[in-house]
Amino acid sequence: QMLLTFVWLTCLLSEIDIAQAQDLSKLLT
């Protein structure tokens, strides 16, 4: 859960697309 939160915050701050953030979070989990 902590890893997912970190990924989402990083994506929001770096303006990464939401879909890319979903793919990245699922890949990490």
Full PDB file with SEQRES, HELIX, SHEET, SSBOND, CRYST1, ORIGX, SCALE, CONECT and MASTER records, all heavy atoms in Angstrom:
SEQRES   1 A   29  GLN MET LEU LEU THR PHE VAL TRP LEU THR CYS LEU LEU          
SEQRES   2 A   29  SER GLU ILE ASP ILE ALA GLN ALA GLN ASP LEU SER LYS          
SEQRES   3 A   29  LEU LEU THR                                                  
HELIX    1 AA1 MET A    2  LEU A   13  1                                  12    
HELIX    2 AA2 ILE A   18  LEU A   28  1                                  11    
CRYST1    1.000    1.000    1.000  90.00  90.00  90.00 P 1           1          
ORIGX1      1.000000  0.000000  0.000000        0.00000                         
ORIGX2      0.000000  1.000000  0.000000        0.00000                         
ORIGX3      0.000000  0.000000  1.000000        0.00000                         
SCALE1      1.000000  0.000000  0.000000        0.00000                         
SCALE2      0.000000  1.000000  0.000000        0.00000                         
SCALE3      0.000000  0.000000  1.000000        0.00000                         
ATOM      1  N   GLN A   1       0.831  -1.205   0.000  1.00  0.00           N  
ATOM      2  CA  GLN A   1       0.000   0.000   0.000  1.00  0.00           C  
ATOM      3  C   GLN A   1       0.867   1.258   0.000  1.00  0.00           C  
ATOM      4  O   GLN A   1       0.567   2.233  -0.687  1.00  0.00           O  
ATOM      5  CB  GLN A   1      -0.917  -0.010   1.231  1.00  0.00           C  
ATOM      6  CG  GLN A   1      -1.924   1.125   1.231  1.00  0.00           C  
ATOM      7  CD  GLN A   1      -2.910   1.015   0.092  1.00  0.00           C  
ATOM      8  OE1 GLN A   1      -3.212  -0.082  -0.377  1.00  0.00           O  
ATOM      9  NE2 GLN A   1      -3.413   2.147  -0.380  1.00  0.00           N  
ATOM     10  N   MET A   2       1.945   1.243   0.778  1.00  0.00           N  
ATOM     11  CA  MET A   2       2.871   2.380   0.805  1.00  0.00           C  
ATOM     12  C   MET A   2       3.517   2.583  -0.549  1.00  0.00           C  
ATOM     13  O   MET A   2       3.714   3.715  -1.019  1.00  0.00           O  
ATOM     14  CB  MET A   2       3.932   2.167   1.881  1.00  0.00           C  
ATOM     15  CG  MET A   2       3.394   2.172   3.306  1.00  0.00           C  
ATOM     16  SD  MET A   2       4.667   1.834   4.520  1.00  0.00           S  
ATOM     17  CE  MET A   2       5.762   3.210   4.202  1.00  0.00           C  
ATOM     18  N   LEU A   3       3.874   1.485  -1.221  1.00  0.00           N  
ATOM     19  CA  LEU A   3       4.483   1.580  -2.547  1.00  0.00           C  
ATOM     20  C   LEU A   3       3.515   2.180  -3.555  1.00  0.00           C  
ATOM     21  O   LEU A   3       3.878   3.026  -4.388  1.00  0.00           O  
ATOM     22  CB  LEU A   3       4.931   0.188  -2.994  1.00  0.00           C  
ATOM     23  CG  LEU A   3       5.724   0.106  -4.311  1.00  0.00           C  
ATOM     24  CD1 LEU A   3       6.999   0.917  -4.196  1.00  0.00           C  
ATOM     25  CD2 LEU A   3       6.047  -1.345  -4.652  1.00  0.00           C  
ATOM     26  N   LEU A   4       2.234   1.780  -3.478  1.00  0.00           N  
ATOM     27  CA  LEU A   4       1.223   2.349  -4.374  1.00  0.00           C  
ATOM     28  C   LEU A   4       1.054   3.840  -4.152  1.00  0.00           C  
ATOM     29  O   LEU A   4       0.963   4.633  -5.099  1.00  0.00           O  
ATOM     30  CB  LEU A   4      -0.114   1.631  -4.152  1.00  0.00           C  
ATOM     31  CG  LEU A   4      -0.283   0.258  -4.821  1.00  0.00           C  
ATOM     32  CD1 LEU A   4      -1.561  -0.392  -4.343  1.00  0.00           C  
ATOM     33  CD2 LEU A   4      -0.281   0.396  -6.325  1.00  0.00           C  
ATOM     34  N   THR A   5       0.996   4.248  -2.887  1.00  0.00           N  
ATOM     35  CA  THR A   5       0.846   5.678  -2.573  1.00  0.00           C  
ATOM     36  C   THR A   5       2.016   6.482  -3.110  1.00  0.00           C  
ATOM     37  O   THR A   5       1.845   7.566  -3.681  1.00  0.00           O  
ATOM     38  CB  THR A   5       0.742   5.860  -1.048  1.00  0.00           C  
ATOM     39  OG1 THR A   5      -0.329   5.070  -0.559  1.00  0.00           O  
ATOM     40  CG2 THR A   5       0.508   7.328  -0.696  1.00  0.00           C  
ATOM     41  N   PHE A   6       3.221   5.939  -2.970  1.00  0.00           N  
ATOM     42  CA  PHE A   6       4.407   6.640  -3.476  1.00  0.00           C  
ATOM     43  C   PHE A   6       4.350   6.802  -4.985  1.00  0.00           C  
ATOM     44  O   PHE A   6       4.681   7.854  -5.547  1.00  0.00           O  
ATOM     45  CB  PHE A   6       5.659   5.871  -3.056  1.00  0.00           C  
ATOM     46  CG  PHE A   6       6.939   6.426  -3.639  1.00  0.00           C  
ATOM     47  CD1 PHE A   6       7.498   7.593  -3.124  1.00  0.00           C  
ATOM     48  CD2 PHE A   6       7.571   5.807  -4.700  1.00  0.00           C  
ATOM     49  CE1 PHE A   6       8.659   8.114  -3.669  1.00  0.00           C  
ATOM     50  CE2 PHE A   6       8.726   6.324  -5.241  1.00  0.00           C  
ATOM     51  CZ  PHE A   6       9.274   7.479  -4.727  1.00  0.00           C  
ATOM     52  N   VAL A   7       3.910   5.756  -5.679  1.00  0.00           N  
ATOM     53  CA  VAL A   7       3.821   5.807  -7.144  1.00  0.00           C  
ATOM     54  C   VAL A   7       2.834   6.866  -7.590  1.00  0.00           C  
ATOM     55  O   VAL A   7       3.098   7.672  -8.479  1.00  0.00           O  
ATOM     56  CB  VAL A   7       3.436   4.415  -7.696  1.00  0.00           C  
ATOM     57  CG1 VAL A   7       3.076   4.505  -9.176  1.00  0.00           C  
ATOM     58  CG2 VAL A   7       4.581   3.445  -7.478  1.00  0.00           C  
ATOM     59  N   TRP A   8       1.654   6.897  -6.956  1.00  0.00           N  
ATOM     60  CA  TRP A   8       0.634   7.881  -7.338  1.00  0.00           C  
ATOM     61  C   TRP A   8       1.104   9.306  -7.077  1.00  0.00           C  
ATOM     62  O   TRP A   8       0.891  10.204  -7.895  1.00  0.00           O  
ATOM     63  CB  TRP A   8      -0.659   7.599  -6.584  1.00  0.00           C  
ATOM     64  CG  TRP A   8      -1.479   6.526  -7.220  1.00  0.00           C  
ATOM     65  CD1 TRP A   8      -1.582   5.236  -6.851  1.00  0.00           C  
ATOM     66  CD2 TRP A   8      -2.284   6.663  -8.388  1.00  0.00           C  
ATOM     67  NE1 TRP A   8      -2.404   4.526  -7.694  1.00  0.00           N  
ATOM     68  CE2 TRP A   8      -2.861   5.387  -8.655  1.00  0.00           C  
ATOM     69  CE3 TRP A   8      -2.591   7.714  -9.242  1.00  0.00           C  
ATOM     70  CZ2 TRP A   8      -3.712   5.156  -9.711  1.00  0.00           C  
ATOM     71  CZ3 TRP A   8      -3.458   7.489 -10.294  1.00  0.00           C  
ATOM     72  CH2 TRP A   8      -4.001   6.210 -10.526  1.00  0.00           C  
ATOM     73  N   LEU A   9       1.721   9.561  -5.933  1.00  0.00           N  
ATOM     74  CA  LEU A   9       2.221  10.914  -5.642  1.00  0.00           C  
ATOM     75  C   LEU A   9       3.299  11.325  -6.630  1.00  0.00           C  
ATOM     76  O   LEU A   9       3.334  12.470  -7.099  1.00  0.00           O  
ATOM     77  CB  LEU A   9       2.768  10.976  -4.213  1.00  0.00           C  
ATOM     78  CG  LEU A   9       1.723  10.903  -3.101  1.00  0.00           C  
ATOM     79  CD1 LEU A   9       2.409  10.857  -1.744  1.00  0.00           C  
ATOM     80  CD2 LEU A   9       0.788  12.103  -3.172  1.00  0.00           C  
ATOM     81  N   THR A  10       4.189  10.408  -6.971  1.00  0.00           N  
ATOM     82  CA  THR A  10       5.251  10.715  -7.931  1.00  0.00           C  
ATOM     83  C   THR A  10       4.677  11.051  -9.286  1.00  0.00           C  
ATOM     84  O   THR A  10       5.096  11.992  -9.964  1.00  0.00           O  
ATOM     85  CB  THR A  10       6.215   9.529  -8.039  1.00  0.00           C  
ATOM     86  OG1 THR A  10       6.701   9.212  -6.743  1.00  0.00           O  
ATOM     87  CG2 THR A  10       7.390   9.869  -8.946  1.00  0.00           C  
ATOM     88  N   CYS A  11       3.669  10.325  -9.687  1.00  0.00           N  
ATOM     89  CA  CYS A  11       3.048  10.569 -10.996  1.00  0.00           C  
ATOM     90  C   CYS A  11       2.332  11.901 -11.034  1.00  0.00           C  
ATOM     91  O   CYS A  11       2.389  12.628 -12.023  1.00  0.00           O  
ATOM     92  CB  CYS A  11       2.068   9.438 -11.335  1.00  0.00           C  
ATOM     93  SG  CYS A  11       2.864   7.836 -11.610  1.00  0.00           S  
ATOM     94  N   LEU A  12       1.655  12.240  -9.948  1.00  0.00           N  
ATOM     95  CA  LEU A  12       0.945  13.519  -9.911  1.00  0.00           C  
ATOM     96  C   LEU A  12       1.907  14.681  -9.954  1.00  0.00           C  
ATOM     97  O   LEU A  12       1.675  15.686 -10.627  1.00  0.00           O  
ATOM     98  CB  LEU A  12       0.075  13.601  -8.655  1.00  0.00           C  
ATOM     99  CG  LEU A  12      -1.166  12.690  -8.648  1.00  0.00           C  
ATOM    100  CD1 LEU A  12      -1.854  12.785  -7.297  1.00  0.00           C  
ATOM    101  CD2 LEU A  12      -2.116  13.095  -9.753  1.00  0.00           C  
ATOM    102  N   LEU A  13       3.021  14.599  -9.205  1.00  0.00           N  
ATOM    103  CA  LEU A  13       3.983  15.700  -9.168  1.00  0.00           C  
ATOM    104  C   LEU A  13       4.709  15.855 -10.490  1.00  0.00           C  
ATOM    105  O   LEU A  13       5.109  16.950 -10.865  1.00  0.00           O  
ATOM    106  CB  LEU A  13       4.992  15.483  -8.037  1.00  0.00           C  
ATOM    107  CG  LEU A  13       4.411  15.572  -6.618  1.00  0.00           C  
ATOM    108  CD1 LEU A  13       5.473  15.226  -5.585  1.00  0.00           C  
ATOM    109  CD2 LEU A  13       3.867  16.968  -6.357  1.00  0.00           C  
ATOM    110  N   SER A  14       4.938  14.759 -11.197  1.00  0.00           N  
ATOM    111  CA  SER A  14       5.661  14.829 -12.470  1.00  0.00           C  
ATOM    112  C   SER A  14       4.736  14.911 -13.660  1.00  0.00           C  
ATOM    113  O   SER A  14       5.175  14.839 -14.804  1.00  0.00           O  
ATOM    114  CB  SER A  14       6.572  13.608 -12.605  1.00  0.00           C  
ATOM    115  OG  SER A  14       5.806  12.423 -12.531  1.00  0.00           O  
ATOM    116  N   GLU A  15       3.393  15.042 -13.398  1.00  0.00           N  
ATOM    117  CA  GLU A  15       2.391  15.207 -14.444  1.00  0.00           C  
ATOM    118  C   GLU A  15       2.362  14.029 -15.420  1.00  0.00           C  
ATOM    119  O   GLU A  15       2.211  14.188 -16.626  1.00  0.00           O  
ATOM    120  CB  GLU A  15       2.612  16.517 -15.206  1.00  0.00           C  
ATOM    121  CG  GLU A  15       2.462  17.734 -14.316  1.00  0.00           C  
ATOM    122  CD  GLU A  15       2.646  19.011 -15.084  1.00  0.00           C  
ATOM    123  OE1 GLU A  15       2.979  18.936 -16.270  1.00  0.00           O  
ATOM    124  OE2 GLU A  15       2.451  20.073 -14.483  1.00  0.00           O  
ATOM    125  N   ILE A  16       2.566  12.781 -14.892  1.00  0.00           N  
ATOM    126  CA  ILE A  16       2.460  11.581 -15.732  1.00  0.00           C  
ATOM    127  C   ILE A  16       0.986  11.273 -15.959  1.00  0.00           C  
ATOM    128  O   ILE A  16       0.153  11.489 -15.083  1.00  0.00           O  
ATOM    129  CB  ILE A  16       3.177  10.391 -15.055  1.00  0.00           C  
ATOM    130  CG1 ILE A  16       4.672  10.712 -14.913  1.00  0.00           C  
ATOM    131  CG2 ILE A  16       2.981   9.100 -15.811  1.00  0.00           C  
ATOM    132  CD1 ILE A  16       5.455   9.639 -14.215  1.00  0.00           C  
ATOM    133  N   ASP A  17       0.669  10.756 -17.096  1.00  0.00           N  
ATOM    134  CA  ASP A  17      -0.718  10.442 -17.411  1.00  0.00           C  
ATOM    135  C   ASP A  17      -1.283   9.429 -16.420  1.00  0.00           C  
ATOM    136  O   ASP A  17      -0.570   8.541 -15.938  1.00  0.00           O  
ATOM    137  CB  ASP A  17      -0.791   9.878 -18.843  1.00  0.00           C  
ATOM    138  CG  ASP A  17      -2.222   9.758 -19.292  1.00  0.00           C  
ATOM    139  OD1 ASP A  17      -2.741  10.770 -19.807  1.00  0.00           O  
ATOM    140  OD2 ASP A  17      -2.796   8.676 -19.123  1.00  0.00           O  
ATOM    141  N   ILE A  18      -2.572   9.546 -16.103  1.00  0.00           N  
ATOM    142  CA  ILE A  18      -3.215   8.670 -15.127  1.00  0.00           C  
ATOM    143  C   ILE A  18      -3.151   7.212 -15.572  1.00  0.00           C  
ATOM    144  O   ILE A  18      -2.913   6.302 -14.762  1.00  0.00           O  
ATOM    145  CB  ILE A  18      -4.675   9.090 -14.906  1.00  0.00           C  
ATOM    146  CG1 ILE A  18      -4.727  10.515 -14.349  1.00  0.00           C  
ATOM    147  CG2 ILE A  18      -5.393   8.144 -13.954  1.00  0.00           C  
ATOM    148  CD1 ILE A  18      -4.049  10.654 -13.008  1.00  0.00           C  
ATOM    149  N   ALA A  19      -3.373   7.005 -16.849  1.00  0.00           N  
ATOM    150  CA  ALA A  19      -3.333   5.624 -17.350  1.00  0.00           C  
ATOM    151  C   ALA A  19      -1.950   5.016 -17.161  1.00  0.00           C  
ATOM    152  O   ALA A  19      -1.809   3.852 -16.791  1.00  0.00           O  
ATOM    153  CB  ALA A  19      -3.737   5.595 -18.830  1.00  0.00           C  
ATOM    154  N   GLN A  20      -0.899   5.800 -17.434  1.00  0.00           N  
ATOM    155  CA  GLN A  20       0.459   5.312 -17.214  1.00  0.00           C  
ATOM    156  C   GLN A  20       0.696   5.021 -15.742  1.00  0.00           C  
ATOM    157  O   GLN A  20       1.403   4.082 -15.380  1.00  0.00           O  
ATOM    158  CB  GLN A  20       1.465   6.343 -17.727  1.00  0.00           C  
ATOM    159  CG  GLN A  20       1.392   6.548 -19.230  1.00  0.00           C  
ATOM    160  CD  GLN A  20       2.376   7.612 -19.693  1.00  0.00           C  
ATOM    161  OE1 GLN A  20       3.070   8.198 -18.886  1.00  0.00           O  
ATOM    162  NE2 GLN A  20       2.425   7.840 -20.993  1.00  0.00           N  
ATOM    163  N   ALA A  21       0.123   5.858 -14.864  1.00  0.00           N  
ATOM    164  CA  ALA A  21       0.277   5.627 -13.431  1.00  0.00           C  
ATOM    165  C   ALA A  21      -0.388   4.316 -13.030  1.00  0.00           C  
ATOM    166  O   ALA A  21       0.144   3.561 -12.207  1.00  0.00           O  
ATOM    167  CB  ALA A  21      -0.328   6.786 -12.649  1.00  0.00           C  
ATOM    168  N   GLN A  22      -1.552   4.019 -13.603  1.00  0.00           N  
ATOM    169  CA  GLN A  22      -2.226   2.763 -13.296  1.00  0.00           C  
ATOM    170  C   GLN A  22      -1.397   1.574 -13.753  1.00  0.00           C  
ATOM    171  O   GLN A  22      -1.236   0.582 -13.019  1.00  0.00           O  
ATOM    172  CB  GLN A  22      -3.601   2.742 -13.965  1.00  0.00           C  
ATOM    173  CG  GLN A  22      -4.592   3.755 -13.387  1.00  0.00           C  
ATOM    174  CD  GLN A  22      -5.882   3.779 -14.158  1.00  0.00           C  
ATOM    175  OE1 GLN A  22      -5.959   3.275 -15.272  1.00  0.00           O  
ATOM    176  NE2 GLN A  22      -6.903   4.377 -13.560  1.00  0.00           N  
ATOM    177  N   ASP A  23      -0.852   1.666 -14.958  1.00  0.00           N  
ATOM    178  CA  ASP A  23      -0.022   0.570 -15.460  1.00  0.00           C  
ATOM    179  C   ASP A  23       1.194   0.356 -14.586  1.00  0.00           C  
ATOM    180  O   ASP A  23       1.573  -0.775 -14.282  1.00  0.00           O  
ATOM    181  CB  ASP A  23       0.409   0.861 -16.905  1.00  0.00           C  
ATOM    182  CG  ASP A  23      -0.787   0.893 -17.847  1.00  0.00           C  
ATOM    183  OD1 ASP A  23      -1.856   0.357 -17.460  1.00  0.00           O  
ATOM    184  OD2 ASP A  23      -0.647   1.467 -18.945  1.00  0.00           O  
ATOM    185  N   LEU A  24       1.832   1.479 -14.182  1.00  0.00           N  
ATOM    186  CA  LEU A  24       3.045   1.379 -13.371  1.00  0.00           C  
ATOM    187  C   LEU A  24       2.746   0.785 -11.997  1.00  0.00           C  
ATOM    188  O   LEU A  24       3.486  -0.055 -11.489  1.00  0.00           O  
ATOM    189  CB  LEU A  24       3.672   2.771 -13.217  1.00  0.00           C  
ATOM    190  CG  LEU A  24       4.995   2.838 -12.411  1.00  0.00           C  
ATOM    191  CD1 LEU A  24       6.052   1.949 -13.063  1.00  0.00           C  
ATOM    192  CD2 LEU A  24       5.476   4.278 -12.319  1.00  0.00           C  
ATOM    193  N   SER A  25       1.629   1.206 -11.383  1.00  0.00           N  
ATOM    194  CA  SER A  25       1.282   0.695 -10.067  1.00  0.00           C  
ATOM    195  C   SER A  25       0.952  -0.788 -10.116  1.00  0.00           C  
ATOM    196  O   SER A  25       1.330  -1.559  -9.239  1.00  0.00           O  
ATOM    197  CB  SER A  25       0.106   1.478  -9.494  1.00  0.00           C  
ATOM    198  OG  SER A  25      -1.023   1.315 -10.314  1.00  0.00           O  
ATOM    199  N   LYS A  26       0.234  -1.193 -11.160  1.00  0.00           N  
ATOM    200  CA  LYS A  26      -0.089  -2.606 -11.285  1.00  0.00           C  
ATOM    201  C   LYS A  26       1.138  -3.445 -11.552  1.00  0.00           C  
ATOM    202  O   LYS A  26       1.259  -4.586 -11.094  1.00  0.00           O  
ATOM    203  CB  LYS A  26      -1.130  -2.804 -12.389  1.00  0.00           C  
ATOM    204  CG  LYS A  26      -2.500  -2.243 -12.034  1.00  0.00           C  
ATOM    205  CD  LYS A  26      -3.495  -2.492 -13.145  1.00  0.00           C  
ATOM    206  CE  LYS A  26      -4.865  -1.942 -12.766  1.00  0.00           C  
ATOM    207  NZ  LYS A  26      -5.867  -2.165 -13.831  1.00  0.00           N  
ATOM    208  N   LEU A  27       2.078  -2.880 -12.306  1.00  0.00           N  
ATOM    209  CA  LEU A  27       3.315  -3.594 -12.575  1.00  0.00           C  
ATOM    210  C   LEU A  27       4.122  -3.812 -11.299  1.00  0.00           C  
ATOM    211  O   LEU A  27       4.677  -4.867 -11.055  1.00  0.00           O  
ATOM    212  CB  LEU A  27       4.141  -2.828 -13.622  1.00  0.00           C  
ATOM    213  CG  LEU A  27       5.491  -3.475 -14.007  1.00  0.00           C  
ATOM    214  CD1 LEU A  27       5.246  -4.850 -14.665  1.00  0.00           C  
ATOM    215  CD2 LEU A  27       6.257  -2.558 -14.965  1.00  0.00           C  
ATOM    216  N   LEU A  28       4.171  -2.772 -10.454  1.00  0.00           N  
ATOM    217  CA  LEU A  28       4.930  -2.872  -9.208  1.00  0.00           C  
ATOM    218  C   LEU A  28       4.277  -3.820  -8.221  1.00  0.00           C  
ATOM    219  O   LEU A  28       4.964  -4.476  -7.418  1.00  0.00           O  
ATOM    220  CB  LEU A  28       5.077  -1.486  -8.582  1.00  0.00           C  
ATOM    221  CG  LEU A  28       5.986  -0.508  -9.337  1.00  0.00           C  
ATOM    222  CD1 LEU A  28       5.917   0.860  -8.682  1.00  0.00           C  
ATOM    223  CD2 LEU A  28       7.421  -1.011  -9.358  1.00  0.00           C  
ATOM    224  N   THR A  29       2.952  -3.901  -8.236  1.00  0.00           N  
ATOM    225  CA  THR A  29       2.257  -4.761  -7.286  1.00  0.00           C  
ATOM    226  C   THR A  29       2.118  -6.190  -7.782  1.00  0.00           C  
ATOM    227  O   THR A  29       1.594  -7.053  -7.078  1.00  0.00           O  
ATOM    228  CB  THR A  29       0.868  -4.201  -6.993  1.00  0.00           C  
ATOM    229  OG1 THR A  29       0.163  -4.039  -8.215  1.00  0.00           O  
ATOM    230  CG2 THR A  29       0.972  -2.855  -6.296  1.00  0.00           C  
TER     231      THR A  29                                                      
MASTER        0    0    0    2    0    0    0    6  230    1    0    3          
END                                                                             
